[in-house]
Amino acid sequence: MNSIMVKGRINMGLITGAGFLGEQLVKMGVVTEKQLKEALQLQEQNLKKGKNVKLGQCLVSLGACNEEDIATALSAKTGYTFLSINDMGIDMNYANLITPETANKYKLLPIGIKDNKLIVAMQNPDDIIAIDDIQLLTGYEVEPVVVKDRELSKVLEKFSNMSQPIVVPDQEEEEDEEENTDDGISEKPAVILVNQIINNAVTAGASDIHIEPQEKFTRVRFRIDGVLHEITQQPLKLHPVIISRVKVMAGMDIAERRIPQDGRITVKISNNTIDIRVASLPSAYGERVTMRLLNRSSKMITLSELGFPESQLRRYNKSMCLPYGFILITGPTGSGKSTTLYATLAAINSPEKNIITLEDPIERRMDGINQIQMNAKAGMTFASGLRSILRSDPDIIMVGEIRDRETAKIAVESALTGHLVFSTLHTNDAPGAISRLSEMGVEPYLTASSLVGVIAQRLMRLVCPLCRKEYIISRQELLKIAPDFPLLEGEESVKLYKAGGCLSCNNTGYRGRVGVFEFLQVTDKMQRLVLDEASTNDIRKLAIQEGMITLRMDGLNKVKQGLSTLEEMLRVII
């Protein structure tokens, strides 16, 4: 066996030869001698570049085998059990017996107990030094197990992030402040718990945190990919100190518990700057808090990455490059309207254009764009702000939301006087936006003259590519569920996917979201319908005739492409 001894233990990196792992994989018939030779060459190339890449990783990257094959071979050769962390789960009572530093140093994590032995998932189960250290630290006899590298990396990342320090830039003397504040708000358990909640939310990619008092406990939920998940339950006696801690961080009045309050926190976690909007609300069992997380460091999404159907994107690009007009983006709260607006502004931003926005709040700061924060208490509303910026020579105006008749009328009139105006509206679909403007008191002739296009959108969860389950459904069965499913002539069955569940997707079966869109372009025929105050159904029929892809059709197309599941599409779109 051509293994390499380093400091008294076997090095699983296999620096110079095929080693026992390569031999075992060939013996099992998983890889060929030729594939093993190619992997060794790739490993050698990486070493020359200063990268210590394991042989198993090289084999996986070449497509010779997968991580499960590597783990199975390692288990067969070492005699240690191979198991899935995803199936077994992690008992945090035992994981917390060691520090994140120790876990990352040895690439291992205790995940449970069996027959009074500590079950430890290890990248290198033959690392005797690591096993000895863990036994000394925990007092338990260690039982190493073999797991997939990807699973172990994922849980180590989450375990480390739970203990990441939170830096609040505005609180320089935080420790002194904690010692001197009243009502027990800075008790160490509350500080640690709030830090862990925020850290875990950022790690999980949550958009919102809900801390809610119930009759017998406090519930913490995260909204991940648009769906709420219960994360933990805490004793009710901790609720007042948790809420007070959050309110101190957000600059809110901790003594006032009878009325809603708003605040803001800016924190740094692992070099990421996170803006947190905090809203408190009195409830039957005490104050509840909702925190909206906005990552300043996240990459700006472009229009082409949002998920627009190609034909609809071409039409939208044409409309947003017009010199003047009114473009609306519609959908319920949390459907990604702001993201689409920012992607649009980024696409048309240039030094030759004066772009001014009115936002409440400013969710993303953009270079080259004049962004204005609304402040209703100071009299700065969307309507008053819109009047003011018209005197600042704008070319393009973005109004965060049209909430009343006055704002709607000024926006429409601005579009008629040579400005390109973007805004959002809460309607269920694109044709409904025209009726909504009429209900708000905008005359049909103003809408017909100014409106050039309306986007309606939703966000649909993407099925996790690592654990999705393929199935074949017959034409007859599919048409019972979705009579309008886009089937080709003669297509008797379709391959679709169901959600599974793994560590990578937090056992939800979904990871990430994609936009589902419909774009209504206002043509000459459409203008006549608007002037005649036609019904929403008549407007929708004409829009479809003129090439509009509906929300439902776009969603079904994405299901057919394997991006999501039929169940998810039916959850999001009627």
Protein backbone atom coordinates (compact mmCIF):
# COMPACT_ATOMS: atom_id res chain seq x y z
CA MET A 1 0.00 0.00 0.00
CA ASN A 2 1.50 3.28 -1.15
CA SER A 3 0.23 5.54 1.61
CA ILE A 4 2.24 8.42 3.06
CA MET A 5 2.96 8.86 6.76
CA VAL A 6 2.94 12.42 8.09
CA LYS A 7 3.61 13.06 11.79
CA GLY A 8 2.61 9.51 12.66
CA ARG A 9 -0.68 9.37 10.79
CA ILE A 10 -1.84 8.43 7.31
CA ASN A 11 -2.16 11.39 4.93
CA MET A 12 -5.34 10.96 2.91
CA GLY A 13 -4.15 13.57 0.39
CA LEU A 14 -2.13 10.90 -1.49
CA ILE A 15 0.57 13.26 -2.64
CA THR A 16 2.72 11.04 -4.83
CA GLY A 17 0.83 7.96 -5.90
CA ALA A 18 -2.46 6.21 -6.31
CA GLY A 19 -2.39 5.12 -2.65
CA PHE A 20 -4.89 2.83 -1.01
CA LEU A 21 -7.92 4.96 -2.01
CA GLY A 22 -7.06 4.78 -5.72
CA GLU A 23 -6.31 1.06 -5.43
CA GLN A 24 -9.62 0.43 -3.66
CA LEU A 25 -11.63 2.36 -6.29
CA VAL A 26 -10.01 0.38 -9.10
CA LYS A 27 -10.55 -2.86 -7.18
CA MET A 28 -14.26 -2.01 -6.76
CA GLY A 29 -14.54 -1.29 -10.50
CA VAL A 30 -15.62 2.30 -9.84
CA VAL A 31 -12.78 3.85 -11.86
CA THR A 32 -10.35 2.54 -14.45
CA GLU A 33 -6.56 2.65 -14.35
CA LYS A 34 -6.68 5.29 -17.10
CA GLN A 35 -9.06 7.51 -15.10
CA LEU A 36 -6.90 7.11 -12.00
CA LYS A 37 -3.81 8.13 -13.97
CA GLU A 38 -5.61 11.25 -15.30
CA ALA A 39 -6.69 12.18 -11.74
CA LEU A 40 -3.12 11.81 -10.46
CA GLN A 41 -1.87 14.06 -13.26
CA LEU A 42 -4.52 16.65 -12.35
CA GLN A 43 -3.51 16.40 -8.69
CA GLU A 44 0.14 16.95 -9.64
CA GLN A 45 -0.79 20.02 -11.75
CA ASN A 46 -2.65 21.49 -8.75
CA LEU A 47 0.33 20.83 -6.48
CA LYS A 48 2.59 22.78 -8.85
CA LYS A 49 0.16 25.70 -8.51
CA GLY A 50 0.36 25.45 -4.72
CA LYS A 51 -3.06 23.79 -4.34
CA ASN A 52 -3.25 20.65 -2.21
CA VAL A 53 -6.24 18.94 -3.84
CA LYS A 54 -7.15 15.43 -2.74
CA LEU A 55 -7.18 12.57 -5.21
CA GLY A 56 -10.87 11.97 -4.55
CA GLN A 57 -11.72 15.56 -5.46
CA CYS A 58 -9.76 15.20 -8.72
CA LEU A 59 -11.65 12.02 -9.62
CA VAL A 60 -15.00 13.70 -8.91
CA SER A 61 -14.09 16.82 -10.92
CA LEU A 62 -13.14 14.60 -13.90
CA GLY A 63 -16.50 12.82 -13.65
CA ALA A 64 -14.88 9.43 -13.00
CA CYS A 65 -16.96 8.86 -9.87
CA ASN A 66 -19.02 10.73 -7.28
CA GLU A 67 -18.50 11.61 -3.62
CA GLU A 68 -20.53 8.63 -2.45
CA ASP A 69 -18.17 6.29 -4.36
CA ILE A 70 -15.17 7.94 -2.66
CA ALA A 71 -16.74 7.60 0.80
CA THR A 72 -17.77 3.97 0.14
CA ALA A 73 -14.22 3.08 -0.93
CA LEU A 74 -12.76 4.82 2.11
CA SER A 75 -15.20 2.96 4.36
CA ALA A 76 -14.39 -0.40 2.75
CA LYS A 77 -10.65 0.08 3.13
CA THR A 78 -10.60 1.54 6.67
CA GLY A 79 -13.42 -0.54 8.10
CA TYR A 80 -15.24 2.52 9.46
CA THR A 81 -18.98 2.93 8.89
CA PHE A 82 -20.14 5.13 6.03
CA LEU A 83 -23.28 7.14 6.80
CA SER A 84 -25.13 10.20 5.58
CA ILE A 85 -25.21 13.20 7.92
CA ASN A 86 -28.35 14.23 6.06
CA ASP A 87 -30.12 10.99 7.09
CA MET A 88 -28.77 10.80 10.64
CA GLY A 89 -28.96 14.50 11.50
CA ILE A 90 -26.82 16.35 14.04
CA ASP A 91 -27.37 16.49 17.79
CA MET A 92 -26.10 19.99 18.64
CA ASN A 93 -25.65 19.00 22.30
CA TYR A 94 -22.70 16.85 21.19
CA ALA A 95 -21.50 19.09 18.34
CA ASN A 96 -21.11 21.92 20.86
CA LEU A 97 -18.67 19.82 22.91
CA ILE A 98 -15.93 21.19 20.66
CA THR A 99 -15.24 24.66 19.28
CA PRO A 100 -15.58 25.64 15.60
CA GLU A 101 -11.80 26.18 15.56
CA THR A 102 -11.19 22.56 16.58
CA ALA A 103 -13.79 21.29 14.11
CA ASN A 104 -12.18 23.15 11.21
CA LYS A 105 -8.63 22.29 12.28
CA TYR A 106 -9.27 18.55 12.09
CA LYS A 107 -12.17 18.62 9.57
CA LEU A 108 -14.56 16.73 11.83
CA LEU A 109 -17.73 17.19 13.85
CA PRO A 110 -19.41 15.15 16.62
CA ILE A 111 -22.93 14.35 15.41
CA GLY A 112 -24.38 12.08 18.08
CA ILE A 113 -23.90 9.33 20.63
CA LYS A 114 -24.28 5.54 20.34
CA ASP A 115 -23.48 2.90 22.98
CA ASN A 116 -21.82 5.67 25.02
CA LYS A 117 -19.41 6.36 22.13
CA LEU A 118 -19.23 9.79 20.47
CA ILE A 119 -20.04 9.45 16.75
CA VAL A 120 -17.66 11.79 14.92
CA ALA A 121 -17.95 12.53 11.20
CA MET A 122 -14.38 12.82 9.92
CA GLN A 123 -12.71 13.70 6.65
CA ASN A 124 -9.78 11.51 7.73
CA PRO A 125 -11.00 8.75 10.08
CA ASP A 126 -7.40 7.47 10.51
CA ASP A 127 -6.18 10.74 12.02
CA ILE A 128 -5.07 9.37 15.39
CA ILE A 129 -3.96 12.78 16.71
CA ALA A 130 -7.41 14.26 16.01
CA ILE A 131 -9.17 11.31 17.67
CA ASP A 132 -6.95 11.58 20.78
CA ASP A 133 -7.60 15.34 21.06
CA ILE A 134 -11.38 14.92 20.73
CA GLN A 135 -11.38 12.18 23.40
CA LEU A 136 -9.45 14.47 25.76
CA LEU A 137 -11.72 17.46 25.05
CA THR A 138 -15.05 15.63 25.36
CA GLY A 139 -14.31 12.78 27.76
CA TYR A 140 -16.00 10.34 25.37
CA GLU A 141 -14.56 7.40 23.49
CA VAL A 142 -14.66 8.37 19.78
CA GLU A 143 -16.25 6.28 17.04
CA PRO A 144 -15.13 7.76 13.67
CA VAL A 145 -17.50 7.52 10.70
CA VAL A 146 -16.94 8.20 7.00
CA VAL A 147 -19.15 10.84 5.35
CA LYS A 148 -19.27 12.61 2.01
CA ASP A 149 -16.92 15.59 1.75
CA ARG A 150 -19.68 17.90 0.56
CA GLU A 151 -21.92 17.06 3.54
CA LEU A 152 -19.09 17.56 6.03
CA SER A 153 -18.03 20.88 4.45
CA LYS A 154 -21.61 22.12 4.62
CA VAL A 155 -22.15 21.28 8.29
CA LEU A 156 -18.73 22.68 9.26
CA GLU A 157 -19.59 25.94 7.51
CA LYS A 158 -22.91 26.18 9.38
CA PHE A 159 -21.30 25.21 12.69
CA SER A 160 -18.63 27.89 12.25
CA ASN A 161 -21.11 30.59 11.27
CA MET A 162 -23.15 29.99 14.42
CA SER A 163 -20.22 31.35 16.43
CA GLN A 164 -19.17 34.15 14.09
CA PRO A 165 -18.89 37.47 15.96
CA ILE A 166 -21.36 40.18 15.00
CA VAL A 167 -19.84 43.62 14.69
CA VAL A 168 -22.21 46.56 15.13
CA PRO A 169 -20.29 49.52 13.66
CA ASP A 170 -22.24 52.15 15.59
CA GLN A 171 -21.66 50.50 18.95
CA GLU A 172 -17.96 51.03 19.63
CA GLU A 173 -18.01 50.36 23.34
CA GLU A 174 -20.45 47.48 23.22
CA GLU A 175 -19.09 45.62 26.25
CA ASP A 176 -19.34 48.67 28.51
CA GLU A 177 -22.80 49.42 27.19
CA GLU A 178 -23.91 45.86 27.94
CA GLU A 179 -22.80 46.17 31.56
CA ASN A 180 -24.62 49.46 32.13
CA THR A 181 -27.99 48.94 30.39
CA ASP A 182 -31.19 48.36 32.35
CA ASP A 183 -33.83 45.65 32.54
CA GLY A 184 -31.34 42.85 32.01
CA ILE A 185 -31.31 43.56 28.29
CA SER A 186 -27.61 42.86 27.97
CA GLU A 187 -27.53 39.61 29.87
CA LYS A 188 -25.00 37.43 28.18
CA PRO A 189 -27.43 34.63 27.18
CA ALA A 190 -29.63 37.12 25.32
CA VAL A 191 -26.66 38.66 23.51
CA ILE A 192 -25.35 35.25 22.47
CA LEU A 193 -28.80 34.04 21.42
CA VAL A 194 -29.59 37.10 19.27
CA ASN A 195 -26.13 36.85 17.67
CA GLN A 196 -26.73 33.18 16.87
CA ILE A 197 -30.18 33.88 15.44
CA ILE A 198 -28.82 36.57 13.09
CA ASN A 199 -25.78 34.46 12.14
CA ASN A 200 -27.92 31.42 11.38
CA ALA A 201 -30.34 33.52 9.32
CA VAL A 202 -27.52 34.96 7.20
CA THR A 203 -25.99 31.50 6.73
CA ALA A 204 -29.34 30.00 5.72
CA GLY A 205 -29.96 32.81 3.23
CA ALA A 206 -33.09 33.96 5.06
CA SER A 207 -34.79 37.18 4.00
CA ASP A 208 -36.72 37.67 7.27
CA ILE A 209 -36.50 36.68 10.94
CA HIS A 210 -39.68 36.41 13.03
CA ILE A 211 -39.39 36.34 16.84
CA GLU A 212 -42.87 35.64 18.19
CA PRO A 213 -44.12 35.06 21.74
CA GLN A 214 -46.61 32.19 22.10
CA GLU A 215 -48.53 31.06 25.17
CA LYS A 216 -45.79 28.77 26.51
CA PHE A 217 -42.66 29.57 24.49
CA THR A 218 -41.02 32.01 22.08
CA ARG A 219 -40.91 30.88 18.47
CA VAL A 220 -38.16 31.88 16.00
CA ARG A 221 -38.91 31.48 12.30
CA PHE A 222 -36.88 32.25 9.17
CA ARG A 223 -38.33 33.06 5.78
CA ILE A 224 -36.15 31.17 3.31
CA ASP A 225 -36.92 31.34 -0.40
CA GLY A 226 -40.27 32.90 0.42
CA VAL A 227 -41.45 30.19 2.84
CA LEU A 228 -41.43 30.41 6.65
CA HIS A 229 -39.60 27.67 8.59
CA GLU A 230 -39.67 27.23 12.36
CA ILE A 231 -36.04 27.21 13.51
CA THR A 232 -36.18 27.04 17.28
CA GLN A 233 -38.34 27.46 20.37
CA GLN A 234 -36.99 29.32 23.41
CA PRO A 235 -38.34 29.57 26.97
CA LEU A 236 -40.92 32.36 27.29
CA LYS A 237 -38.98 33.90 30.21
CA LEU A 238 -36.18 34.78 27.76
CA HIS A 239 -38.52 36.67 25.43
CA PRO A 240 -38.36 40.13 27.09
CA VAL A 241 -34.53 40.16 27.15
CA ILE A 242 -34.32 38.93 23.53
CA ILE A 243 -36.70 41.66 22.32
CA SER A 244 -34.93 44.31 24.42
CA ARG A 245 -31.57 43.26 23.02
CA VAL A 246 -32.85 43.60 19.45
CA LYS A 247 -34.43 46.99 20.24
CA VAL A 248 -31.17 48.31 21.73
CA MET A 249 -29.28 47.23 18.61
CA ALA A 250 -31.93 48.88 16.41
CA GLY A 251 -31.98 52.16 18.36
CA MET A 252 -35.60 51.70 19.45
CA ASP A 253 -37.26 52.70 22.73
CA ILE A 254 -37.01 49.68 25.03
CA ALA A 255 -39.46 51.20 27.55
CA GLU A 256 -42.28 51.50 24.99
CA ARG A 257 -44.06 48.20 24.47
CA ARG A 258 -47.60 49.34 23.62
CA ILE A 259 -47.16 50.75 20.11
CA PRO A 260 -45.38 49.53 16.94
CA GLN A 261 -41.83 50.78 16.40
CA ASP A 262 -39.33 50.71 13.53
CA GLY A 263 -35.55 50.59 13.68
CA ARG A 264 -32.47 49.68 11.73
CA ILE A 265 -29.33 47.65 12.45
CA THR A 266 -26.17 47.45 10.39
CA VAL A 267 -23.91 44.51 11.23
CA LYS A 268 -20.82 42.89 9.76
CA ILE A 269 -20.65 39.10 9.61
CA SER A 270 -17.68 37.42 7.89
CA ASN A 271 -16.84 40.59 5.93
CA ASN A 272 -20.46 40.89 4.76
CA THR A 273 -22.33 44.08 5.64
CA ILE A 274 -25.95 43.28 6.50
CA ASP A 275 -28.66 45.95 6.79
CA ILE A 276 -31.50 44.82 9.04
CA ARG A 277 -34.87 46.59 9.13
CA VAL A 278 -36.57 45.93 12.46
CA ALA A 279 -40.30 46.28 13.16
CA SER A 280 -41.90 45.56 16.54
CA LEU A 281 -45.60 44.93 17.08
CA PRO A 282 -47.60 44.36 20.28
CA SER A 283 -49.38 40.98 20.35
CA ALA A 284 -51.48 38.96 22.79
CA TYR A 285 -48.47 37.39 24.55
CA GLY A 286 -46.01 40.29 24.24
CA GLU A 287 -44.06 42.14 21.60
CA ARG A 288 -43.14 40.35 18.42
CA VAL A 289 -40.28 41.45 16.17
CA THR A 290 -39.76 41.05 12.44
CA MET A 291 -36.32 41.64 10.94
CA ARG A 292 -35.77 42.04 7.18
CA LEU A 293 -32.20 41.17 6.13
CA LEU A 294 -30.55 42.95 3.21
CA ASN A 295 -27.01 41.94 2.26
CA ARG A 296 -25.11 44.93 0.88
CA SER A 297 -22.32 42.64 -0.26
CA SER A 298 -24.55 40.42 -2.42
CA LYS A 299 -24.00 40.54 -6.15
CA MET A 300 -26.30 42.72 -8.24
CA ILE A 301 -28.60 40.50 -10.30
CA THR A 302 -28.88 41.43 -13.98
CA LEU A 303 -32.09 41.34 -16.01
CA SER A 304 -30.90 38.28 -17.94
CA GLU A 305 -30.41 36.38 -14.65
CA LEU A 306 -33.89 37.08 -13.28
CA GLY A 307 -35.61 34.40 -15.36
CA PHE A 308 -37.40 36.46 -18.03
CA PRO A 309 -38.56 34.41 -21.05
CA GLU A 310 -36.35 35.49 -23.96
CA SER A 311 -39.21 36.93 -26.03
CA GLN A 312 -40.54 38.93 -23.07
CA LEU A 313 -37.08 40.26 -22.18
CA ARG A 314 -36.60 41.60 -25.72
CA ARG A 315 -39.92 43.46 -25.51
CA TYR A 316 -39.11 44.84 -22.06
CA ASN A 317 -35.64 45.98 -23.15
CA LYS A 318 -37.28 47.93 -25.98
CA SER A 319 -39.77 49.61 -23.61
CA MET A 320 -37.26 50.54 -20.89
CA CYS A 321 -35.03 52.30 -23.45
CA LEU A 322 -37.80 54.70 -24.54
CA PRO A 323 -37.12 58.41 -23.87
CA TYR A 324 -40.33 58.80 -21.84
CA GLY A 325 -43.27 56.79 -20.58
CA PHE A 326 -44.62 54.98 -17.53
CA ILE A 327 -43.58 51.39 -16.68
CA LEU A 328 -45.17 49.53 -13.77
CA ILE A 329 -43.90 46.43 -11.97
CA THR A 330 -46.65 44.61 -10.09
CA GLY A 331 -46.98 41.72 -7.69
CA PRO A 332 -47.58 40.99 -3.99
CA THR A 333 -45.11 41.86 -1.23
CA GLY A 334 -41.97 39.75 -1.48
CA SER A 335 -42.33 38.91 -5.17
CA GLY A 336 -39.04 40.54 -6.19
CA LYS A 337 -40.31 43.85 -7.59
CA SER A 338 -37.46 45.87 -6.07
CA THR A 339 -34.88 43.45 -7.47
CA THR A 340 -36.34 43.88 -10.96
CA LEU A 341 -36.33 47.67 -10.56
CA TYR A 342 -32.69 47.73 -9.46
CA ALA A 343 -31.68 45.41 -12.31
CA THR A 344 -33.50 47.72 -14.74
CA LEU A 345 -31.83 50.87 -13.38
CA ALA A 346 -28.42 49.17 -13.53
CA ALA A 347 -29.04 48.27 -17.19
CA ILE A 348 -29.97 51.83 -18.26
CA ASN A 349 -27.64 53.75 -15.93
CA SER A 350 -25.09 55.93 -17.72
CA PRO A 351 -23.29 59.26 -17.11
CA GLU A 352 -25.53 60.95 -19.70
CA LYS A 353 -28.70 60.25 -17.70
CA ASN A 354 -29.88 61.89 -14.48
CA ILE A 355 -31.61 59.10 -12.54
CA ILE A 356 -33.40 59.98 -9.29
CA THR A 357 -35.19 57.49 -7.07
CA LEU A 358 -37.67 57.84 -4.19
CA GLU A 359 -37.46 54.81 -1.91
CA ASP A 360 -38.78 53.64 1.43
CA PRO A 361 -36.34 52.26 2.43
CA ILE A 362 -33.27 52.36 0.18
CA GLU A 363 -32.60 48.63 -0.14
CA ARG A 364 -29.48 48.78 -2.30
CA ARG A 365 -27.09 51.67 -2.82
CA MET A 366 -26.12 52.17 -6.46
CA ASP A 367 -23.29 54.26 -7.87
CA GLY A 368 -24.28 57.01 -10.28
CA ILE A 369 -27.91 57.11 -9.13
CA ASN A 370 -29.40 59.77 -6.83
CA GLN A 371 -31.36 57.83 -4.21
CA ILE A 372 -33.69 59.62 -1.78
CA GLN A 373 -35.02 58.09 1.44
CA MET A 374 -38.66 58.86 2.27
CA ASN A 375 -39.42 60.32 5.71
CA ALA A 376 -43.14 60.70 6.34
CA LYS A 377 -42.59 62.20 9.82
CA ALA A 378 -40.64 65.05 8.25
CA GLY A 379 -43.23 65.50 5.50
CA MET A 380 -41.17 63.74 2.82
CA THR A 381 -43.72 61.47 1.15
CA PHE A 382 -43.71 59.92 -2.31
CA ALA A 383 -46.08 62.63 -3.59
CA SER A 384 -44.16 65.59 -2.13
CA GLY A 385 -40.81 64.07 -3.10
CA LEU A 386 -41.99 63.49 -6.67
CA ARG A 387 -43.05 67.13 -6.99
CA SER A 388 -39.64 68.26 -5.73
CA ILE A 389 -37.47 66.09 -7.94
CA LEU A 390 -39.27 67.27 -11.07
CA ARG A 391 -37.44 70.58 -10.49
CA SER A 392 -34.08 68.75 -10.43
CA ASP A 393 -33.95 68.03 -14.17
CA PRO A 394 -34.36 64.22 -14.03
CA ASP A 395 -34.31 62.00 -17.11
CA ILE A 396 -35.43 58.85 -15.33
CA ILE A 397 -37.50 58.66 -12.13
CA MET A 398 -38.09 55.62 -9.96
CA VAL A 399 -40.88 55.79 -7.38
CA GLY A 400 -40.64 52.95 -4.87
CA GLU A 401 -44.38 52.38 -4.64
CA ILE A 402 -47.60 54.03 -5.75
CA ARG A 403 -49.77 54.08 -2.65
CA ASP A 404 -52.33 56.82 -3.30
CA ARG A 405 -54.13 58.81 -5.97
CA GLU A 406 -51.88 61.85 -5.67
CA THR A 407 -48.66 59.89 -6.26
CA ALA A 408 -50.26 58.00 -9.17
CA LYS A 409 -51.39 61.20 -10.91
CA ILE A 410 -48.03 62.96 -10.51
CA ALA A 411 -46.19 59.88 -11.82
CA VAL A 412 -48.45 59.65 -14.88
CA GLU A 413 -48.15 63.37 -15.57
CA SER A 414 -44.36 63.14 -15.21
CA ALA A 415 -44.32 60.45 -17.89
CA LEU A 416 -46.36 62.71 -20.16
CA THR A 417 -43.91 65.60 -19.74
CA GLY A 418 -40.84 63.81 -21.08
CA HIS A 419 -39.65 61.59 -18.21
CA LEU A 420 -39.23 57.82 -18.07
CA VAL A 421 -40.95 56.75 -14.84
CA PHE A 422 -40.70 53.36 -13.13
CA SER A 423 -42.81 52.33 -10.15
CA THR A 424 -44.49 49.39 -8.41
CA LEU A 425 -48.11 48.57 -7.69
CA HIS A 426 -49.82 45.76 -5.80
CA THR A 427 -51.95 43.80 -8.28
CA ASN A 428 -52.31 40.10 -9.08
CA ASP A 429 -51.40 40.34 -12.77
CA ALA A 430 -50.32 42.82 -15.44
CA PRO A 431 -53.78 43.57 -16.95
CA GLY A 432 -55.11 44.27 -13.43
CA ALA A 433 -52.71 47.22 -13.07
CA ILE A 434 -54.70 49.24 -15.63
CA SER A 435 -57.93 48.75 -13.70
CA ARG A 436 -56.12 49.55 -10.45
CA LEU A 437 -54.96 52.92 -11.80
CA SER A 438 -58.56 53.74 -12.74
CA GLU A 439 -59.72 52.80 -9.24
CA MET A 440 -57.08 55.17 -7.82
CA GLY A 441 -58.61 58.03 -9.79
CA VAL A 442 -56.26 58.24 -12.80
CA GLU A 443 -58.31 59.13 -15.89
CA PRO A 444 -58.24 56.51 -18.67
CA TYR A 445 -56.92 59.00 -21.23
CA LEU A 446 -53.90 59.73 -18.99
CA THR A 447 -53.20 56.01 -18.49
CA ALA A 448 -53.54 55.28 -22.22
CA SER A 449 -51.19 58.14 -23.16
CA SER A 450 -48.46 57.46 -20.58
CA LEU A 451 -48.34 53.72 -19.87
CA VAL A 452 -45.91 51.80 -22.10
CA GLY A 453 -45.69 48.49 -20.27
CA VAL A 454 -46.58 46.48 -17.16
CA ILE A 455 -44.62 43.60 -15.64
CA ALA A 456 -46.31 41.16 -13.25
CA GLN A 457 -44.06 38.77 -11.38
CA ARG A 458 -43.76 36.06 -8.75
CA LEU A 459 -40.84 34.16 -7.24
CA MET A 460 -40.81 30.38 -7.58
CA ARG A 461 -38.41 28.16 -5.65
CA LEU A 462 -35.81 26.22 -7.64
CA VAL A 463 -35.72 22.49 -6.97
CA CYS A 464 -32.44 21.44 -5.36
CA PRO A 465 -30.27 19.82 -8.09
CA LEU A 466 -28.52 17.56 -5.55
CA CYS A 467 -31.57 15.80 -4.13
CA ARG A 468 -34.33 16.25 -6.71
CA LYS A 469 -36.17 13.08 -7.70
CA GLU A 470 -37.02 12.39 -11.31
CA TYR A 471 -40.35 10.86 -12.32
CA ILE A 472 -42.30 10.30 -15.52
CA ILE A 473 -45.90 11.48 -15.72
CA SER A 474 -48.31 10.53 -18.50
CA ARG A 475 -50.02 13.10 -20.71
CA GLN A 476 -53.45 12.11 -19.43
CA GLU A 477 -52.49 12.39 -15.75
CA LEU A 478 -50.65 15.68 -16.28
CA LEU A 479 -53.56 17.33 -18.09
CA LYS A 480 -55.83 16.46 -15.15
CA ILE A 481 -53.56 18.47 -12.85
CA ALA A 482 -52.68 21.27 -15.28
CA PRO A 483 -54.90 21.31 -18.40
CA ASP A 484 -52.80 24.11 -19.92
CA PHE A 485 -49.42 22.35 -19.54
CA PRO A 486 -47.27 23.07 -22.65
CA LEU A 487 -47.18 19.63 -24.29
CA LEU A 488 -45.93 19.06 -27.80
CA GLU A 489 -48.07 17.23 -30.32
CA GLY A 490 -47.60 13.50 -29.82
CA GLU A 491 -45.84 13.96 -26.48
CA GLU A 492 -47.36 11.16 -24.39
CA SER A 493 -45.24 11.54 -21.25
CA VAL A 494 -43.01 14.16 -19.60
CA LYS A 495 -40.03 13.93 -17.25
CA LEU A 496 -40.60 16.13 -14.19
CA TYR A 497 -38.99 16.43 -10.76
CA LYS A 498 -40.13 16.19 -7.15
CA ALA A 499 -38.38 17.87 -4.22
CA GLY A 500 -36.21 15.67 -2.01
CA GLY A 501 -34.25 17.08 0.91
CA CYS A 502 -30.57 17.30 1.82
CA LEU A 503 -28.11 19.35 3.86
CA SER A 504 -27.40 21.62 0.92
CA CYS A 505 -31.03 22.81 0.81
CA ASN A 506 -31.70 22.61 4.58
CA ASN A 507 -33.92 19.56 3.92
CA THR A 508 -36.51 21.68 2.08
CA GLY A 509 -35.92 20.19 -1.37
CA TYR A 510 -35.49 23.68 -2.82
CA ARG A 511 -32.54 26.03 -3.10
CA GLY A 512 -32.77 29.55 -4.55
CA ARG A 513 -35.58 31.19 -6.49
CA VAL A 514 -36.31 32.23 -10.04
CA GLY A 515 -38.64 34.92 -11.30
CA VAL A 516 -41.86 34.10 -13.14
CA PHE A 517 -42.96 36.96 -15.38
CA GLU A 518 -45.59 38.33 -17.71
CA PHE A 519 -45.02 41.53 -19.66
CA LEU A 520 -47.93 43.50 -21.08
CA GLN A 521 -46.83 45.91 -23.79
CA VAL A 522 -49.21 48.82 -24.41
CA THR A 523 -49.82 48.94 -28.17
CA ASP A 524 -52.20 51.13 -30.20
CA LYS A 525 -54.95 48.50 -29.88
CA MET A 526 -54.35 48.29 -26.13
CA GLN A 527 -54.61 52.07 -25.81
CA ARG A 528 -58.04 51.98 -27.43
CA LEU A 529 -59.22 49.34 -24.95
CA VAL A 530 -57.92 51.46 -22.06
CA LEU A 531 -59.73 54.55 -23.38
CA ASP A 532 -62.93 52.50 -23.67
CA GLU A 533 -62.46 51.32 -20.05
CA ALA A 534 -62.50 47.68 -21.16
CA SER A 535 -62.57 44.89 -18.58
CA THR A 536 -59.44 43.21 -17.29
CA ASN A 537 -60.38 40.01 -19.16
CA ASP A 538 -60.63 41.86 -22.48
CA ILE A 539 -57.23 43.49 -21.88
CA ARG A 540 -55.72 40.10 -21.00
CA LYS A 541 -57.11 38.43 -24.15
CA LEU A 542 -55.68 41.14 -26.40
CA ALA A 543 -52.31 41.01 -24.61
CA ILE A 544 -52.10 37.23 -25.15
CA GLN A 545 -53.01 37.68 -28.82
CA GLU A 546 -50.18 40.20 -29.12
CA GLY A 547 -47.63 37.79 -27.66
CA MET A 548 -47.82 38.10 -23.87
CA ILE A 549 -46.76 34.95 -22.00
CA THR A 550 -48.88 34.71 -18.85
CA LEU A 551 -47.49 34.08 -15.37
CA ARG A 552 -48.94 30.58 -15.33
CA MET A 553 -47.55 29.69 -18.74
CA ASP A 554 -44.08 30.95 -17.81
CA GLY A 555 -44.26 28.94 -14.57
CA LEU A 556 -45.29 25.75 -16.41
CA ASN A 557 -42.48 26.23 -18.92
CA LYS A 558 -39.96 26.46 -16.07
CA VAL A 559 -41.39 23.26 -14.54
CA LYS A 560 -40.99 21.49 -17.89
CA GLN A 561 -37.39 22.72 -18.07
CA GLY A 562 -36.72 21.01 -14.73
CA LEU A 563 -36.10 24.25 -12.82
CA SER A 564 -38.89 23.66 -10.31
CA THR A 565 -41.70 21.29 -9.39
CA LEU A 566 -45.34 21.26 -10.40
CA GLU A 567 -46.31 21.49 -6.72
CA GLU A 568 -44.25 24.67 -6.27
CA MET A 569 -45.76 26.29 -9.38
CA LEU A 570 -49.30 25.54 -8.17
CA ARG A 571 -48.41 26.97 -4.74
CA VAL A 572 -47.23 30.27 -6.22
CA ILE A 573 -49.54 30.79 -9.20
CA ILE A 574 -53.27 30.09 -9.44
